[in-house]
N, C-alpha and C. Protein backbone atom coordinates (compact mmCIF):
# COMPACT_ATOMS: atom_id res chain seq x y z
N MET A 1 -6.58 -17.06 6.43
CA MET A 1 -5.82 -15.90 6.02
C MET A 1 -4.34 -16.17 6.27
N ASP A 2 -3.54 -15.86 5.27
CA ASP A 2 -2.10 -15.98 5.40
C ASP A 2 -1.48 -14.60 5.29
N ILE A 3 -0.33 -14.45 5.96
CA ILE A 3 0.40 -13.18 5.94
C ILE A 3 1.83 -13.46 5.52
N VAL A 4 2.32 -12.67 4.56
CA VAL A 4 3.72 -12.71 4.17
C VAL A 4 4.30 -11.32 4.36
N VAL A 5 5.61 -11.23 4.36
CA VAL A 5 6.28 -9.94 4.54
C VAL A 5 6.89 -9.52 3.22
N SER A 6 6.56 -8.30 2.79
CA SER A 6 7.06 -7.78 1.52
C SER A 6 8.55 -7.44 1.62
N LYS A 7 9.15 -7.11 0.50
CA LYS A 7 10.56 -6.70 0.47
C LYS A 7 10.80 -5.43 1.27
N TYR A 8 9.75 -4.65 1.50
CA TYR A 8 9.86 -3.43 2.29
C TYR A 8 9.48 -3.67 3.75
N SER A 9 9.45 -4.94 4.15
CA SER A 9 9.16 -5.36 5.54
C SER A 9 7.76 -4.99 6.02
N VAL A 10 6.81 -4.97 5.11
CA VAL A 10 5.42 -4.68 5.45
C VAL A 10 4.63 -5.99 5.38
N PRO A 11 3.89 -6.35 6.44
CA PRO A 11 3.07 -7.55 6.38
C PRO A 11 1.93 -7.38 5.37
N ILE A 12 1.78 -8.37 4.50
CA ILE A 12 0.72 -8.36 3.49
C ILE A 12 -0.17 -9.58 3.76
N ARG A 13 -1.46 -9.34 3.92
CA ARG A 13 -2.37 -10.45 4.21
C ARG A 13 -3.20 -10.78 2.99
N LEU A 14 -3.49 -12.06 2.85
CA LEU A 14 -4.37 -12.53 1.78
C LEU A 14 -5.51 -13.28 2.45
N THR A 15 -6.67 -12.64 2.49
CA THR A 15 -7.83 -13.25 3.14
C THR A 15 -8.49 -14.26 2.20
N GLU A 16 -9.28 -15.12 2.78
CA GLU A 16 -10.00 -16.12 1.99
C GLU A 16 -10.96 -15.43 1.02
N GLU A 17 -11.62 -14.38 1.47
CA GLU A 17 -12.55 -13.63 0.61
C GLU A 17 -11.82 -13.04 -0.59
N ARG A 18 -10.65 -12.46 -0.35
CA ARG A 18 -9.88 -11.84 -1.44
C ARG A 18 -9.38 -12.91 -2.40
N TRP A 19 -8.95 -14.06 -1.87
CA TRP A 19 -8.47 -15.14 -2.73
C TRP A 19 -9.59 -15.63 -3.65
N PHE A 20 -10.81 -15.81 -3.09
CA PHE A 20 -11.93 -16.24 -3.93
C PHE A 20 -12.25 -15.21 -5.00
N HIS A 21 -12.14 -13.95 -4.66
CA HIS A 21 -12.35 -12.89 -5.65
C HIS A 21 -11.30 -13.00 -6.78
N ILE A 22 -10.06 -13.24 -6.41
CA ILE A 22 -8.99 -13.36 -7.40
C ILE A 22 -9.25 -14.52 -8.34
N ILE A 23 -9.55 -15.70 -7.79
CA ILE A 23 -9.70 -16.88 -8.67
C ILE A 23 -11.02 -16.86 -9.45
N GLU A 24 -11.99 -16.08 -9.00
CA GLU A 24 -13.20 -15.89 -9.80
C GLU A 24 -12.88 -15.18 -11.10
N ASN A 25 -11.98 -14.22 -11.02
CA ASN A 25 -11.63 -13.42 -12.20
C ASN A 25 -10.41 -13.94 -12.94
N HIS A 26 -9.63 -14.78 -12.30
CA HIS A 26 -8.41 -15.34 -12.89
C HIS A 26 -8.36 -16.83 -12.56
N ASP A 27 -9.23 -17.61 -13.18
CA ASP A 27 -9.34 -19.03 -12.84
C ASP A 27 -8.05 -19.80 -13.09
N ASP A 28 -7.15 -19.27 -13.92
CA ASP A 28 -5.87 -19.93 -14.17
C ASP A 28 -4.96 -19.90 -12.93
N LEU A 29 -5.28 -19.08 -11.93
CA LEU A 29 -4.50 -19.02 -10.71
C LEU A 29 -4.99 -19.97 -9.62
N ALA A 30 -6.06 -20.69 -9.87
CA ALA A 30 -6.72 -21.50 -8.85
C ALA A 30 -5.77 -22.41 -8.06
N GLY A 31 -4.80 -23.01 -8.67
CA GLY A 31 -3.89 -23.90 -7.95
C GLY A 31 -2.59 -23.24 -7.53
N HIS A 32 -2.56 -21.92 -7.53
CA HIS A 32 -1.29 -21.22 -7.31
C HIS A 32 -1.29 -20.28 -6.10
N TYR A 33 -2.05 -20.61 -5.09
CA TYR A 33 -2.14 -19.79 -3.88
C TYR A 33 -0.76 -19.51 -3.29
N ASP A 34 0.01 -20.58 -3.07
CA ASP A 34 1.34 -20.42 -2.47
C ASP A 34 2.28 -19.62 -3.38
N ASN A 35 2.13 -19.80 -4.69
CA ASN A 35 2.97 -19.05 -5.64
C ASN A 35 2.68 -17.55 -5.58
N VAL A 36 1.42 -17.21 -5.39
CA VAL A 36 1.04 -15.79 -5.28
C VAL A 36 1.70 -15.18 -4.04
N LEU A 37 1.61 -15.88 -2.92
CA LEU A 37 2.23 -15.38 -1.69
C LEU A 37 3.75 -15.30 -1.84
N GLN A 38 4.35 -16.30 -2.46
CA GLN A 38 5.81 -16.31 -2.67
C GLN A 38 6.24 -15.16 -3.57
N THR A 39 5.42 -14.81 -4.54
CA THR A 39 5.74 -13.71 -5.45
C THR A 39 5.82 -12.39 -4.69
N ILE A 40 4.95 -12.20 -3.71
CA ILE A 40 5.01 -10.99 -2.89
C ILE A 40 6.23 -11.02 -1.98
N GLU A 41 6.49 -12.18 -1.40
CA GLU A 41 7.58 -12.32 -0.44
C GLU A 41 8.97 -12.31 -1.08
N ASP A 42 9.08 -12.89 -2.27
CA ASP A 42 10.39 -13.03 -2.92
C ASP A 42 10.27 -12.79 -4.43
N PRO A 43 9.94 -11.56 -4.84
CA PRO A 43 9.76 -11.28 -6.27
C PRO A 43 11.09 -11.15 -7.01
N ASP A 44 11.01 -11.26 -8.33
CA ASP A 44 12.18 -10.95 -9.16
C ASP A 44 12.22 -9.45 -9.46
N TYR A 45 11.06 -8.84 -9.54
CA TYR A 45 10.93 -7.40 -9.79
C TYR A 45 9.75 -6.87 -8.99
N ILE A 46 9.82 -5.59 -8.64
CA ILE A 46 8.66 -4.85 -8.12
C ILE A 46 8.57 -3.59 -8.95
N VAL A 47 7.38 -3.36 -9.52
CA VAL A 47 7.18 -2.15 -10.31
C VAL A 47 6.01 -1.36 -9.72
N GLU A 48 5.97 -0.09 -10.06
CA GLU A 48 4.94 0.79 -9.54
C GLU A 48 3.63 0.55 -10.27
N GLY A 49 2.56 0.43 -9.50
CA GLY A 49 1.23 0.29 -10.07
C GLY A 49 0.50 1.61 -9.97
N TYR A 50 -0.81 1.57 -10.03
CA TYR A 50 -1.64 2.77 -9.95
C TYR A 50 -2.15 2.94 -8.51
N GLU A 51 -2.40 4.17 -8.12
CA GLU A 51 -2.94 4.51 -6.81
C GLU A 51 -2.19 3.80 -5.68
N TRP A 52 -0.88 3.91 -5.67
CA TRP A 52 0.00 3.38 -4.63
C TRP A 52 0.08 1.85 -4.60
N ALA A 53 -0.42 1.20 -5.61
CA ALA A 53 -0.28 -0.26 -5.67
C ALA A 53 1.13 -0.61 -6.13
N LEU A 54 1.56 -1.77 -5.72
CA LEU A 54 2.83 -2.32 -6.17
C LEU A 54 2.54 -3.57 -6.98
N ILE A 55 3.39 -3.88 -7.93
CA ILE A 55 3.21 -5.07 -8.75
C ILE A 55 4.48 -5.91 -8.62
N ALA A 56 4.31 -7.09 -8.02
CA ALA A 56 5.43 -8.01 -7.86
C ALA A 56 5.41 -8.99 -9.02
N LEU A 57 6.59 -9.23 -9.59
CA LEU A 57 6.70 -10.16 -10.72
C LEU A 57 7.70 -11.26 -10.37
N LYS A 58 7.32 -12.49 -10.68
CA LYS A 58 8.18 -13.65 -10.47
C LYS A 58 8.23 -14.43 -11.77
N GLY A 59 9.42 -14.65 -12.29
CA GLY A 59 9.57 -15.39 -13.54
C GLY A 59 9.14 -16.84 -13.41
N VAL A 60 8.32 -17.29 -14.36
CA VAL A 60 7.92 -18.70 -14.38
C VAL A 60 8.49 -19.41 -15.60
N SER A 61 8.92 -18.66 -16.59
CA SER A 61 9.63 -19.18 -17.75
C SER A 61 10.42 -18.01 -18.34
N LYS A 62 11.06 -18.24 -19.46
CA LYS A 62 11.90 -17.18 -20.05
C LYS A 62 11.12 -15.91 -20.39
N SER A 63 9.89 -16.07 -20.81
CA SER A 63 9.12 -14.90 -21.25
C SER A 63 7.80 -14.71 -20.49
N LYS A 64 7.58 -15.47 -19.40
CA LYS A 64 6.33 -15.35 -18.64
C LYS A 64 6.62 -15.03 -17.18
N PHE A 65 5.74 -14.19 -16.62
CA PHE A 65 5.86 -13.81 -15.22
C PHE A 65 4.52 -14.01 -14.52
N LEU A 66 4.58 -14.44 -13.27
CA LEU A 66 3.41 -14.38 -12.41
C LEU A 66 3.41 -12.96 -11.86
N THR A 67 2.31 -12.25 -12.02
CA THR A 67 2.20 -10.84 -11.64
C THR A 67 1.16 -10.71 -10.54
N VAL A 68 1.55 -10.10 -9.43
CA VAL A 68 0.66 -9.95 -8.28
C VAL A 68 0.60 -8.47 -7.90
N VAL A 69 -0.60 -7.92 -7.88
CA VAL A 69 -0.81 -6.52 -7.49
C VAL A 69 -1.20 -6.51 -6.01
N TYR A 70 -0.54 -5.64 -5.24
CA TYR A 70 -0.85 -5.53 -3.82
C TYR A 70 -0.57 -4.11 -3.35
N LYS A 71 -1.06 -3.81 -2.15
CA LYS A 71 -0.81 -2.48 -1.56
C LYS A 71 -0.21 -2.65 -0.18
N GLU A 72 0.71 -1.76 0.12
CA GLU A 72 1.30 -1.69 1.44
C GLU A 72 0.64 -0.52 2.16
N ILE A 73 -0.47 -0.81 2.81
CA ILE A 73 -1.30 0.24 3.41
C ILE A 73 -0.51 1.08 4.40
N SER A 74 0.36 0.46 5.18
CA SER A 74 1.12 1.23 6.17
C SER A 74 2.14 2.15 5.52
N LYS A 75 2.32 2.05 4.21
CA LYS A 75 3.28 2.90 3.51
C LYS A 75 2.61 4.10 2.84
N THR A 76 1.32 4.31 3.06
CA THR A 76 0.63 5.42 2.42
C THR A 76 1.24 6.74 2.86
N SER A 77 1.50 7.61 1.92
CA SER A 77 2.12 8.91 2.20
C SER A 77 1.06 10.00 2.17
N LEU A 78 1.06 10.84 3.19
CA LEU A 78 0.11 11.95 3.22
C LEU A 78 0.54 13.10 2.33
N GLU A 79 1.76 13.05 1.82
CA GLU A 79 2.23 14.13 0.96
C GLU A 79 1.41 14.25 -0.31
N LYS A 80 0.89 13.15 -0.82
CA LYS A 80 0.14 13.17 -2.08
C LYS A 80 -1.37 13.23 -1.86
N GLU A 81 -1.80 13.20 -0.61
CA GLU A 81 -3.22 13.19 -0.30
C GLU A 81 -3.73 14.58 0.02
N VAL A 82 -5.00 14.81 -0.24
CA VAL A 82 -5.65 16.03 0.20
C VAL A 82 -6.22 15.73 1.58
N VAL A 83 -5.64 16.34 2.61
CA VAL A 83 -6.07 16.09 3.98
C VAL A 83 -7.34 16.90 4.25
N LEU A 84 -8.43 16.22 4.57
CA LEU A 84 -9.70 16.88 4.83
C LEU A 84 -9.88 17.23 6.29
N TRP A 85 -9.23 16.49 7.17
CA TRP A 85 -9.33 16.73 8.59
C TRP A 85 -8.08 16.20 9.27
N GLN A 86 -7.61 16.87 10.28
CA GLN A 86 -6.44 16.41 11.04
C GLN A 86 -6.67 16.69 12.52
N LYS A 87 -6.39 15.72 13.35
CA LYS A 87 -6.50 15.90 14.79
C LYS A 87 -5.46 16.89 15.27
N LYS A 88 -5.87 17.78 16.15
CA LYS A 88 -4.94 18.81 16.67
C LYS A 88 -4.39 18.41 18.01
């Protein structure tokens, strides 16, 4: 497992299990483990994804980007959540 720090200073981990899941579905990424981590750590752009996910983009050519979807779990906001229980 490797950990990188996002632009928002949140540690992002990439476990071996998650990496195998990624390359099973995106076999073109098989040799790009370090590039995926670098994209999170030093992206050219960060755009909003779905359900609090972030999408980091790193240019690889004039019209192509390596795109990495990740979540900053410690950044979850309770403002948008329906709180079912809260400790008093």
